[in-house]
């Protein structure tokens, strides 16, 4: 089986699912607007379309192996809180049936962008981007505390942060300019990525 991609019809923004030869699923951005969730609206129901392309784990949870957020703008993370489980895997609720993110792939820029209450930098984070930031911070804190992570808590930081802030995160850090093929702690021979940015 060769790798397959699905480019969801989201208008301005991005939402792409890659299914690798290994069967692992990599989601690049998401934009599931409120209109897409409204059965009375003619916007494509990209949330259901995504769910139909995912499988369930042994606990009955839909999941993506990795979720790459290219940058924390609203048209690249809309619907995150409504459709994805955020928090420890053990807190997943069957009735909500949200999608588990086994491993987050995130630039450190998400940690530096301001929320609406503190917009000195000129960049603000929408509520979904704030939720991504908070979940990324949770996973990094967990790694710092125990130096290992399991599925649902995993994160790869894409690029070094300023002032040595990621120097202690080398096992979960992909340096700018380097290639990587690890997904959820395992080398995937059917995948290779080259991180071009961010550059310090």
N, C-alpha and C. Protein backbone atom coordinates (compact mmCIF):
# COMPACT_ATOMS: atom_id res chain seq x y z
N UNK A 1 0.84 -1.18 0.00
CA UNK A 1 0.00 0.00 0.00
C UNK A 1 0.88 1.24 0.00
N UNK A 2 0.60 2.19 -0.85
CA UNK A 2 1.34 3.44 -0.85
C UNK A 2 0.67 4.44 0.08
N UNK A 3 1.40 5.48 0.43
CA UNK A 3 0.84 6.51 1.29
C UNK A 3 -0.29 7.23 0.57
N UNK A 4 -1.30 7.65 1.34
CA UNK A 4 -2.44 8.36 0.78
C UNK A 4 -2.67 9.64 1.57
N UNK A 5 -3.12 10.67 0.88
CA UNK A 5 -3.46 11.92 1.55
C UNK A 5 -4.91 12.29 1.25
N UNK A 6 -5.55 12.89 2.23
CA UNK A 6 -6.88 13.46 2.06
C UNK A 6 -6.80 14.93 2.41
N UNK A 7 -7.16 15.77 1.45
CA UNK A 7 -7.17 17.21 1.67
C UNK A 7 -8.64 17.62 1.85
N UNK A 8 -8.99 17.97 3.06
CA UNK A 8 -10.38 18.26 3.37
C UNK A 8 -10.77 19.65 2.86
N UNK A 9 -11.98 19.76 2.39
CA UNK A 9 -12.49 21.00 1.82
C UNK A 9 -12.89 21.94 2.95
N UNK A 10 -11.95 22.80 3.36
CA UNK A 10 -12.18 23.70 4.49
C UNK A 10 -12.17 25.17 4.09
N UNK A 11 -12.04 25.45 2.78
CA UNK A 11 -11.95 26.84 2.36
C UNK A 11 -10.57 27.38 2.72
N UNK A 12 -10.51 28.62 3.22
CA UNK A 12 -9.23 29.20 3.62
C UNK A 12 -8.73 28.48 4.86
N UNK A 13 -7.49 28.01 4.81
CA UNK A 13 -6.93 27.25 5.93
C UNK A 13 -6.43 25.92 5.43
N UNK A 14 -6.26 24.98 6.36
CA UNK A 14 -5.70 23.69 5.97
C UNK A 14 -6.18 22.60 6.90
N UNK A 15 -6.35 21.40 6.33
CA UNK A 15 -6.63 20.19 7.09
C UNK A 15 -6.33 19.02 6.16
N UNK A 16 -5.24 18.32 6.44
CA UNK A 16 -4.79 17.23 5.58
C UNK A 16 -4.48 16.01 6.44
N UNK A 17 -4.97 14.85 6.00
CA UNK A 17 -4.67 13.59 6.68
C UNK A 17 -3.78 12.75 5.77
N UNK A 18 -2.65 12.32 6.30
CA UNK A 18 -1.76 11.40 5.59
C UNK A 18 -1.87 10.03 6.25
N UNK A 19 -2.12 9.00 5.43
CA UNK A 19 -2.07 7.63 5.91
C UNK A 19 -0.84 7.00 5.28
N UNK A 20 0.15 6.70 6.11
CA UNK A 20 1.41 6.18 5.63
C UNK A 20 1.30 4.71 5.26
N UNK A 21 2.30 4.19 4.55
CA UNK A 21 2.31 2.77 4.20
C UNK A 21 2.23 1.89 5.43
N UNK A 22 2.77 2.37 6.53
CA UNK A 22 2.74 1.62 7.79
C UNK A 22 1.34 1.57 8.40
N UNK A 23 0.44 2.42 7.89
CA UNK A 23 -0.89 2.53 8.47
C UNK A 23 -1.02 3.66 9.47
N UNK A 24 0.09 4.25 9.89
CA UNK A 24 0.01 5.36 10.83
C UNK A 24 -0.64 6.57 10.17
N UNK A 25 -1.37 7.32 10.98
CA UNK A 25 -2.11 8.47 10.48
C UNK A 25 -1.54 9.76 11.06
N UNK A 26 -1.21 10.67 10.14
CA UNK A 26 -0.63 11.96 10.50
C UNK A 26 -1.58 13.05 10.03
N UNK A 27 -2.09 13.85 10.97
CA UNK A 27 -2.97 14.97 10.64
C UNK A 27 -2.15 16.25 10.63
N UNK A 28 -2.28 17.00 9.56
CA UNK A 28 -1.60 18.29 9.45
C UNK A 28 -2.66 19.38 9.53
N UNK A 29 -2.68 20.09 10.64
CA UNK A 29 -3.64 21.16 10.90
C UNK A 29 -5.08 20.64 10.92
N UNK A 30 -5.96 21.46 11.43
CA UNK A 30 -7.39 21.15 11.34
C UNK A 30 -8.16 22.46 11.28
N UNK A 31 -9.22 22.42 10.52
CA UNK A 31 -10.15 23.56 10.49
C UNK A 31 -11.55 22.98 10.38
N UNK A 32 -12.13 22.78 11.55
CA UNK A 32 -13.50 22.27 11.60
C UNK A 32 -14.35 23.39 12.18
N UNK A 33 -14.87 24.20 11.30
CA UNK A 33 -15.65 25.36 11.72
C UNK A 33 -16.99 24.97 12.30
N UNK A 34 -17.62 25.90 12.98
CA UNK A 34 -18.94 25.65 13.57
C UNK A 34 -19.95 25.28 12.49
N UNK A 35 -19.85 25.91 11.32
CA UNK A 35 -20.77 25.59 10.22
C UNK A 35 -20.63 24.14 9.77
N UNK A 36 -19.41 23.62 9.81
CA UNK A 36 -19.18 22.23 9.40
C UNK A 36 -19.84 21.24 10.36
N UNK A 37 -20.05 21.65 11.60
CA UNK A 37 -20.71 20.80 12.60
C UNK A 37 -22.23 20.96 12.60
N UNK A 38 -22.74 21.90 11.83
CA UNK A 38 -24.18 22.18 11.81
C UNK A 38 -24.84 21.38 10.70
N UNK A 39 -25.71 20.41 11.04
CA UNK A 39 -26.34 19.59 10.00
C UNK A 39 -27.26 20.40 9.08
N UNK A 40 -27.65 21.60 9.50
CA UNK A 40 -28.51 22.45 8.67
C UNK A 40 -27.72 23.41 7.78
N UNK A 41 -26.41 23.33 7.84
CA UNK A 41 -25.56 24.18 7.02
C UNK A 41 -24.98 23.34 5.89
N UNK A 42 -24.76 23.93 4.73
CA UNK A 42 -24.25 23.16 3.60
C UNK A 42 -22.73 23.07 3.56
N UNK A 43 -22.03 23.58 4.60
CA UNK A 43 -20.57 23.42 4.68
C UNK A 43 -20.24 21.94 4.81
N UNK A 44 -19.19 21.46 4.15
CA UNK A 44 -18.81 20.05 4.26
C UNK A 44 -18.55 19.66 5.71
N UNK A 45 -19.06 18.50 6.11
CA UNK A 45 -18.90 18.00 7.47
C UNK A 45 -17.53 17.33 7.58
N UNK A 46 -16.48 18.15 7.64
CA UNK A 46 -15.12 17.62 7.62
C UNK A 46 -14.78 16.87 8.92
N UNK A 47 -15.47 17.19 10.01
CA UNK A 47 -15.26 16.45 11.25
C UNK A 47 -15.64 15.00 11.11
N UNK A 48 -16.81 14.74 10.55
CA UNK A 48 -17.25 13.36 10.31
C UNK A 48 -16.39 12.70 9.25
N UNK A 49 -16.01 13.44 8.23
CA UNK A 49 -15.15 12.88 7.19
C UNK A 49 -13.81 12.42 7.77
N UNK A 50 -13.27 13.20 8.71
CA UNK A 50 -12.03 12.79 9.37
C UNK A 50 -12.25 11.54 10.20
N UNK A 51 -13.27 11.55 11.03
CA UNK A 51 -13.55 10.41 11.90
C UNK A 51 -13.72 9.12 11.10
N UNK A 52 -14.35 9.22 9.94
CA UNK A 52 -14.57 8.03 9.10
C UNK A 52 -13.26 7.43 8.59
N UNK A 53 -12.18 8.18 8.63
CA UNK A 53 -10.89 7.72 8.11
C UNK A 53 -9.94 7.27 9.23
N UNK A 54 -10.40 7.29 10.46
CA UNK A 54 -9.59 6.90 11.60
C UNK A 54 -10.01 5.53 12.13
N UNK A 55 -9.14 4.92 12.92
CA UNK A 55 -9.45 3.65 13.57
C UNK A 55 -9.47 3.86 15.08
N UNK A 56 -9.92 2.85 15.78
CA UNK A 56 -10.00 2.91 17.24
C UNK A 56 -8.93 2.03 17.87
N UNK A 57 -8.47 2.46 19.04
CA UNK A 57 -7.47 1.68 19.76
C UNK A 57 -8.15 0.62 20.62
N UNK A 58 -7.37 -0.09 21.42
CA UNK A 58 -7.90 -1.18 22.24
C UNK A 58 -8.91 -0.69 23.27
N UNK A 59 -8.87 0.62 23.59
CA UNK A 59 -9.83 1.20 24.54
C UNK A 59 -11.04 1.81 23.85
N UNK A 60 -11.15 1.62 22.53
CA UNK A 60 -12.30 2.12 21.79
C UNK A 60 -12.22 3.59 21.42
N UNK A 61 -11.03 4.17 21.48
CA UNK A 61 -10.86 5.60 21.21
C UNK A 61 -10.36 5.83 19.80
N UNK A 62 -11.02 6.73 19.05
CA UNK A 62 -10.47 7.16 17.77
C UNK A 62 -9.16 7.90 18.04
N UNK A 63 -8.19 7.79 17.12
CA UNK A 63 -6.92 8.44 17.35
C UNK A 63 -6.22 8.81 16.05
N UNK A 64 -5.36 9.82 16.15
CA UNK A 64 -4.35 10.07 15.13
C UNK A 64 -3.01 9.78 15.79
N UNK A 65 -2.09 9.20 15.03
CA UNK A 65 -0.78 8.89 15.60
C UNK A 65 0.00 10.17 15.87
N UNK A 66 -0.11 11.13 14.96
CA UNK A 66 0.58 12.41 15.15
C UNK A 66 -0.29 13.53 14.58
N UNK A 67 -0.22 14.67 15.21
CA UNK A 67 -0.95 15.87 14.78
C UNK A 67 0.08 16.98 14.70
N UNK A 68 0.34 17.45 13.48
CA UNK A 68 1.28 18.54 13.24
C UNK A 68 0.50 19.84 13.10
N UNK A 69 0.75 20.78 14.01
CA UNK A 69 0.19 22.12 13.88
C UNK A 69 1.28 22.99 13.26
N UNK A 70 1.07 23.41 12.02
CA UNK A 70 2.11 24.17 11.33
C UNK A 70 2.34 25.53 11.97
N UNK A 71 1.25 26.18 12.40
CA UNK A 71 1.35 27.44 13.11
C UNK A 71 0.01 27.72 13.78
N UNK A 72 0.01 28.46 14.90
CA UNK A 72 -1.20 28.57 15.72
C UNK A 72 -2.17 29.68 15.29
N UNK A 73 -2.53 29.70 14.02
CA UNK A 73 -3.56 30.62 13.55
C UNK A 73 -4.91 29.89 13.53
N UNK A 74 -5.99 30.65 13.68
CA UNK A 74 -7.31 30.06 13.83
C UNK A 74 -7.70 29.17 12.66
N UNK A 75 -7.29 29.53 11.43
CA UNK A 75 -7.70 28.72 10.29
C UNK A 75 -6.87 27.44 10.14
N UNK A 76 -6.01 27.16 11.13
CA UNK A 76 -5.23 25.93 11.13
C UNK A 76 -5.48 25.09 12.37
N UNK A 77 -6.32 25.57 13.29
CA UNK A 77 -6.62 24.78 14.50
C UNK A 77 -8.07 24.89 14.94
N UNK A 78 -8.94 25.45 14.12
CA UNK A 78 -10.35 25.61 14.51
C UNK A 78 -11.00 24.25 14.77
N UNK A 79 -11.75 24.17 15.83
CA UNK A 79 -12.46 22.94 16.17
C UNK A 79 -11.65 21.99 17.05
N UNK A 80 -10.44 22.37 17.41
CA UNK A 80 -9.59 21.50 18.22
C UNK A 80 -10.28 21.08 19.51
N UNK A 81 -10.82 22.04 20.24
CA UNK A 81 -11.42 21.73 21.54
C UNK A 81 -12.69 20.90 21.40
N UNK A 82 -13.43 21.10 20.32
CA UNK A 82 -14.68 20.35 20.15
C UNK A 82 -14.45 18.91 19.70
N UNK A 83 -13.37 18.67 18.99
CA UNK A 83 -13.21 17.35 18.35
C UNK A 83 -12.06 16.50 18.89
N UNK A 84 -11.13 17.09 19.63
CA UNK A 84 -9.95 16.34 20.07
C UNK A 84 -9.87 16.32 21.59
N UNK A 85 -9.45 15.17 22.10
CA UNK A 85 -9.26 15.02 23.54
C UNK A 85 -7.99 15.75 23.95
N UNK A 86 -8.08 16.60 24.94
CA UNK A 86 -6.95 17.33 25.49
C UNK A 86 -6.86 16.99 26.97
N UNK A 87 -5.67 16.63 27.41
CA UNK A 87 -5.49 16.21 28.79
C UNK A 87 -4.98 14.78 28.84
N UNK A 88 -4.74 14.27 30.05
CA UNK A 88 -4.22 12.91 30.18
C UNK A 88 -5.14 11.89 29.50
N UNK A 89 -4.57 10.86 28.88
CA UNK A 89 -5.40 9.85 28.21
C UNK A 89 -6.45 9.23 29.13
N UNK A 90 -6.11 9.07 30.40
CA UNK A 90 -7.05 8.46 31.34
C UNK A 90 -8.30 9.29 31.56
N UNK A 91 -8.27 10.58 31.20
CA UNK A 91 -9.44 11.44 31.40
C UNK A 91 -10.38 11.45 30.19
N UNK A 92 -10.08 10.65 29.15
CA UNK A 92 -10.95 10.53 27.97
C UNK A 92 -12.32 10.03 28.40
N UNK A 93 -13.38 10.61 27.84
CA UNK A 93 -14.75 10.26 28.21
C UNK A 93 -15.44 9.63 27.01
N UNK A 94 -15.96 8.43 27.20
CA UNK A 94 -16.59 7.70 26.10
C UNK A 94 -17.76 8.48 25.51
N UNK A 95 -18.56 9.12 26.35
CA UNK A 95 -19.73 9.84 25.86
C UNK A 95 -19.35 10.99 24.92
N UNK A 96 -18.21 11.61 25.16
CA UNK A 96 -17.75 12.69 24.29
C UNK A 96 -17.12 12.16 23.00
N UNK A 97 -16.49 11.00 23.09
CA UNK A 97 -15.88 10.29 21.95
C UNK A 97 -14.96 11.21 21.13
N UNK A 98 -14.13 11.97 21.82
CA UNK A 98 -13.20 12.84 21.11
C UNK A 98 -11.98 12.05 20.63
N UNK A 99 -11.30 12.60 19.64
CA UNK A 99 -10.15 11.96 19.01
C UNK A 99 -8.91 12.17 19.88
N UNK A 100 -8.20 11.08 20.14
CA UNK A 100 -6.97 11.14 20.92
C UNK A 100 -5.80 11.49 20.00
N UNK A 101 -4.96 12.38 20.45
CA UNK A 101 -3.73 12.74 19.75
C UNK A 101 -2.59 11.99 20.43
N UNK A 102 -2.12 10.91 19.81
CA UNK A 102 -1.06 10.13 20.44
C UNK A 102 0.22 10.95 20.60
N UNK A 103 0.54 11.75 19.58
CA UNK A 103 1.75 12.58 19.66
C UNK A 103 1.49 13.92 18.99
N UNK A 104 1.79 15.00 19.70
CA UNK A 104 1.70 16.35 19.15
C UNK A 104 3.04 16.70 18.51
N UNK A 105 2.99 17.39 17.37
CA UNK A 105 4.19 17.96 16.75
C UNK A 105 3.97 19.46 16.74
N UNK A 106 4.80 20.19 17.47
CA UNK A 106 4.54 21.60 17.67
C UNK A 106 5.82 22.43 17.64
N UNK A 107 5.74 23.58 17.00
CA UNK A 107 6.82 24.56 17.05
C UNK A 107 6.81 25.22 18.42
N UNK A 108 7.99 25.62 18.93
CA UNK A 108 8.01 26.34 20.20
C UNK A 108 7.39 27.73 20.11
N UNK A 109 7.11 28.21 18.90
CA UNK A 109 6.49 29.54 18.77
C UNK A 109 5.15 29.60 19.52
N UNK A 110 4.47 28.45 19.64
CA UNK A 110 3.18 28.44 20.31
C UNK A 110 3.31 28.83 21.78
N UNK A 111 4.49 28.61 22.37
CA UNK A 111 4.70 28.98 23.77
C UNK A 111 4.92 30.47 23.94
N UNK A 112 5.37 31.13 22.87
CA UNK A 112 5.72 32.55 22.97
C UNK A 112 4.60 33.49 22.54
N UNK A 113 3.65 32.98 21.77
CA UNK A 113 2.56 33.84 21.33
C UNK A 113 1.66 34.19 22.51
N UNK A 114 1.15 35.38 22.49
CA UNK A 114 0.33 35.87 23.60
C UNK A 114 -1.11 35.42 23.45
N UNK A 115 -1.81 35.33 24.56
CA UNK A 115 -3.25 35.13 24.49
C UNK A 115 -3.92 36.50 24.45
N UNK A 116 -5.23 36.50 24.44
CA UNK A 116 -5.94 37.78 24.28
C UNK A 116 -5.74 38.72 25.46
N UNK A 117 -5.41 38.19 26.62
CA UNK A 117 -5.23 39.01 27.80
C UNK A 117 -3.86 39.67 27.84
N UNK A 118 -2.93 39.18 27.02
CA UNK A 118 -1.57 39.70 27.07
C UNK A 118 -1.04 39.76 25.65
N UNK A 119 -1.42 40.78 24.92
CA UNK A 119 -1.10 40.86 23.49
C UNK A 119 0.00 41.85 23.19
N UNK A 120 0.99 41.98 24.07
CA UNK A 120 2.08 42.94 23.87
C UNK A 120 2.86 42.65 22.60
N UNK A 121 2.98 41.37 22.23
CA UNK A 121 3.79 41.01 21.07
C UNK A 121 3.11 41.36 19.75
N UNK A 122 1.83 41.66 19.79
CA UNK A 122 1.10 41.91 18.56
C UNK A 122 0.47 40.66 17.97
N UNK A 123 0.86 39.49 18.48
CA UNK A 123 0.29 38.23 18.06
C UNK A 123 -0.60 37.70 19.17
N UNK A 124 -1.80 37.29 18.82
CA UNK A 124 -2.69 36.72 19.82
C UNK A 124 -3.03 35.29 19.42
N UNK A 125 -3.46 34.51 20.38
CA UNK A 125 -3.88 33.14 20.15
C UNK A 125 -5.39 33.06 20.31
N UNK A 126 -6.05 32.41 19.35
CA UNK A 126 -7.48 32.13 19.50
C UNK A 126 -7.63 31.07 20.59
N UNK A 127 -8.86 30.77 20.98
CA UNK A 127 -9.09 29.84 22.08
C UNK A 127 -8.60 28.43 21.76
N UNK A 128 -8.75 27.99 20.51
CA UNK A 128 -8.25 26.67 20.14
C UNK A 128 -6.72 26.63 20.19
N UNK A 129 -6.07 27.70 19.75
CA UNK A 129 -4.61 27.75 19.81
C UNK A 129 -4.13 27.80 21.26
N UNK A 130 -4.86 28.50 22.13
CA UNK A 130 -4.52 28.51 23.55
C UNK A 130 -4.63 27.10 24.12
N UNK A 131 -5.66 26.36 23.69
CA UNK A 131 -5.84 24.99 24.17
C UNK A 131 -4.70 24.10 23.70
N UNK A 132 -4.25 24.30 22.43
CA UNK A 132 -3.09 23.54 21.92
C UNK A 132 -1.85 23.86 22.76
N UNK A 133 -1.63 25.18 23.00
CA UNK A 133 -0.48 25.61 23.80
C UNK A 133 -0.51 24.97 25.18
N UNK A 134 -1.67 24.99 25.83
CA UNK A 134 -1.78 24.44 27.17
C UNK A 134 -1.53 22.94 27.19
N UNK A 135 -2.02 22.24 26.17
CA UNK A 135 -1.79 20.80 26.10
C UNK A 135 -0.32 20.50 25.81
N UNK A 136 0.29 21.29 24.93
CA UNK A 136 1.72 21.12 24.65
C UNK A 136 2.53 21.35 25.92
N UNK A 137 2.20 22.36 26.67
CA UNK A 137 2.91 22.64 27.93
C UNK A 137 2.73 21.48 28.92
N UNK A 138 1.51 20.94 28.98
CA UNK A 138 1.27 19.80 29.89
C UNK A 138 2.20 18.64 29.54
N UNK A 139 2.30 18.34 28.25
CA UNK A 139 3.11 17.20 27.83
C UNK A 139 4.60 17.47 28.06
N UNK A 140 5.04 18.69 27.84
CA UNK A 140 6.45 19.02 28.10
C UNK A 140 6.74 18.93 29.60
N UNK A 141 5.83 19.44 30.43
CA UNK A 141 6.02 19.34 31.88
C UNK A 141 6.12 17.88 32.32
N UNK A 142 5.28 17.03 31.74
CA UNK A 142 5.31 15.61 32.08
C UNK A 142 6.64 14.99 31.68
N UNK A 143 7.13 15.35 30.50
CA UNK A 143 8.44 14.83 30.08
C UNK A 143 9.53 15.29 31.03
N UNK A 144 9.51 16.56 31.38
CA UNK A 144 10.54 17.07 32.29
C UNK A 144 10.49 16.36 33.65
N UNK A 145 9.30 15.98 34.08
CA UNK A 145 9.15 15.34 35.39
C UNK A 145 9.61 13.89 35.37
N UNK A 146 9.34 13.17 34.27
CA UNK A 146 9.64 11.73 34.29
C UNK A 146 10.60 11.27 33.20
N UNK A 147 10.94 12.16 32.23
CA UNK A 147 11.92 11.89 31.16
C UNK A 147 11.48 10.82 30.18
N UNK A 148 10.20 10.44 30.16
CA UNK A 148 9.66 9.52 29.17
C UNK A 148 8.17 9.82 29.03
N UNK A 149 7.60 9.44 27.87
CA UNK A 149 6.18 9.68 27.60
C UNK A 149 5.58 8.46 26.92
N UNK A 150 4.27 8.30 27.06
CA UNK A 150 3.55 7.23 26.37
C UNK A 150 2.50 7.85 25.46
N UNK A 151 1.89 7.02 24.60
CA UNK A 151 0.90 7.50 23.65
C UNK A 151 -0.21 8.27 24.36
N UNK A 152 -0.56 9.41 23.80
CA UNK A 152 -1.56 10.28 24.40
C UNK A 152 -0.93 11.39 25.22
N UNK A 153 0.35 11.20 25.58
CA UNK A 153 1.11 12.22 26.31
C UNK A 153 2.33 12.68 25.51
N UNK A 154 2.58 12.05 24.37
CA UNK A 154 3.81 12.32 23.61
C UNK A 154 3.76 13.69 22.92
N UNK A 155 4.97 14.25 22.74
CA UNK A 155 5.12 15.49 21.98
C UNK A 155 6.51 15.51 21.36
N UNK A 156 6.60 16.03 20.14
CA UNK A 156 7.88 16.36 19.53
C UNK A 156 7.88 17.87 19.30
N UNK A 157 8.91 18.54 19.80
CA UNK A 157 9.07 19.97 19.61
C UNK A 157 9.87 20.17 18.32
N UNK A 158 9.30 20.91 17.39
CA UNK A 158 9.92 21.10 16.07
C UNK A 158 10.68 22.41 16.02
N UNK A 159 11.96 22.34 16.30
CA UNK A 159 12.83 23.52 16.29
C UNK A 159 13.18 23.97 17.69
N UNK A 160 14.38 24.52 17.82
CA UNK A 160 14.86 24.99 19.11
C UNK A 160 14.18 26.31 19.48
N UNK A 161 14.00 26.52 20.77
CA UNK A 161 13.47 27.79 21.25
C UNK A 161 14.63 28.73 21.57
N UNK A 162 14.29 30.00 21.76
CA UNK A 162 15.30 31.01 22.07
C UNK A 162 15.84 30.84 23.49
N UNK A 163 17.01 31.40 23.73
CA UNK A 163 17.61 31.48 25.07
C UNK A 163 17.78 30.11 25.74
N UNK A 164 17.96 29.05 24.94
CA UNK A 164 18.22 27.73 25.51
C UNK A 164 17.04 27.08 26.21
N UNK A 165 15.82 27.58 25.93
CA UNK A 165 14.64 27.07 26.65
C UNK A 165 14.32 25.61 26.34
N UNK A 166 14.84 25.09 25.23
CA UNK A 166 14.58 23.69 24.89
C UNK A 166 15.83 22.81 25.02
N UNK A 167 16.88 23.34 25.62
CA UNK A 167 18.13 22.58 25.72
C UNK A 167 17.97 21.29 26.52
N UNK A 168 17.03 21.24 27.45
CA UNK A 168 16.83 20.03 28.25
C UNK A 168 15.81 19.08 27.63
N UNK A 169 15.38 19.38 26.41
CA UNK A 169 14.34 18.57 25.76
C UNK A 169 14.87 17.79 24.55
N UNK A 170 16.16 17.57 24.48
CA UNK A 170 16.76 16.95 23.30
C UNK A 170 16.10 15.64 22.88
N UNK A 171 15.68 14.75 23.79
CA UNK A 171 15.04 13.51 23.35
C UNK A 171 13.70 13.71 22.62
N UNK A 172 13.07 14.86 22.82
CA UNK A 172 11.78 15.11 22.15
C UNK A 172 11.88 16.33 21.22
N UNK A 173 13.09 16.71 20.87
CA UNK A 173 13.33 17.89 20.04
C UNK A 173 13.84 17.47 18.66
N UNK A 174 13.26 18.06 17.61
CA UNK A 174 13.77 17.91 16.25
C UNK A 174 14.42 19.24 15.89
N UNK A 175 15.71 19.23 15.65
CA UNK A 175 16.43 20.45 15.34
C UNK A 175 16.14 20.91 13.92
N UNK A 176 16.06 22.22 13.73
CA UNK A 176 15.86 22.77 12.39
C UNK A 176 16.99 22.32 11.48
N UNK A 177 16.63 21.89 10.28
CA UNK A 177 17.61 21.41 9.32
C UNK A 177 17.87 19.93 9.39
N UNK A 178 17.21 19.23 10.32
CA UNK A 178 17.47 17.80 10.46
C UNK A 178 16.28 16.97 9.97
N UNK A 179 16.57 15.73 9.61
CA UNK A 179 15.54 14.79 9.17
C UNK A 179 15.11 13.94 10.37
N UNK A 180 13.86 13.49 10.33
CA UNK A 180 13.38 12.60 11.40
C UNK A 180 12.37 11.63 10.81
N UNK A 181 12.26 10.46 11.44
CA UNK A 181 11.31 9.44 10.98
C UNK A 181 10.66 8.72 12.15
N UNK A 182 10.68 9.36 13.31
CA UNK A 182 10.09 8.76 14.50
C UNK A 182 8.67 9.27 14.72
N UNK A 183 7.76 8.34 14.93
CA UNK A 183 6.37 8.67 15.24
C UNK A 183 5.99 7.86 16.47
N UNK A 184 5.55 8.52 17.51
CA UNK A 184 5.17 7.85 18.76
C UNK A 184 6.29 6.98 19.32
N UNK A 185 7.52 7.49 19.24
CA UNK A 185 8.64 6.79 19.83
C UNK A 185 9.19 5.63 19.04
N UNK A 186 8.66 5.42 17.82
CA UNK A 186 9.09 4.30 16.99
C UNK A 186 9.52 4.82 15.63
N UNK A 187 10.61 4.28 15.10
CA UNK A 187 11.04 4.65 13.76
C UNK A 187 10.08 4.04 12.75
N UNK A 188 9.55 4.87 11.87
CA UNK A 188 8.64 4.42 10.81
C UNK A 188 9.42 4.46 9.50
N UNK A 189 9.72 3.29 8.96
CA UNK A 189 10.53 3.21 7.74
C UNK A 189 9.81 3.76 6.52
N UNK A 190 8.51 4.01 6.63
CA UNK A 190 7.75 4.54 5.49
C UNK A 190 7.60 6.05 5.54
N UNK A 191 8.27 6.68 6.51
CA UNK A 191 8.13 8.13 6.67
C UNK A 191 9.48 8.77 6.91
N UNK A 192 9.71 9.91 6.30
CA UNK A 192 10.87 10.74 6.60
C UNK A 192 10.47 12.19 6.42
N UNK A 193 10.74 12.99 7.43
CA UNK A 193 10.45 14.41 7.37
C UNK A 193 11.72 15.22 7.50
N UNK A 194 11.77 16.36 6.85
CA UNK A 194 12.91 17.28 6.96
C UNK A 194 12.38 18.60 7.50
N UNK A 195 12.85 18.98 8.65
CA UNK A 195 12.40 20.21 9.29
C UNK A 195 13.23 21.38 8.78
N UNK A 196 12.59 22.27 8.02
CA UNK A 196 13.29 23.42 7.45
C UNK A 196 13.24 24.65 8.34
N UNK A 197 12.20 24.76 9.14
CA UNK A 197 12.02 25.93 10.01
C UNK A 197 11.22 25.50 11.23
N UNK A 198 11.21 26.21 12.30
CA UNK A 198 11.71 27.58 12.46
C UNK A 198 13.22 27.62 12.72
N UNK A 199 13.82 28.71 12.27
CA UNK A 199 15.24 28.95 12.52
C UNK A 199 15.35 30.03 13.59
N UNK A 200 16.33 29.89 14.47
CA UNK A 200 16.54 30.90 15.53
C UNK A 200 17.09 32.19 14.93
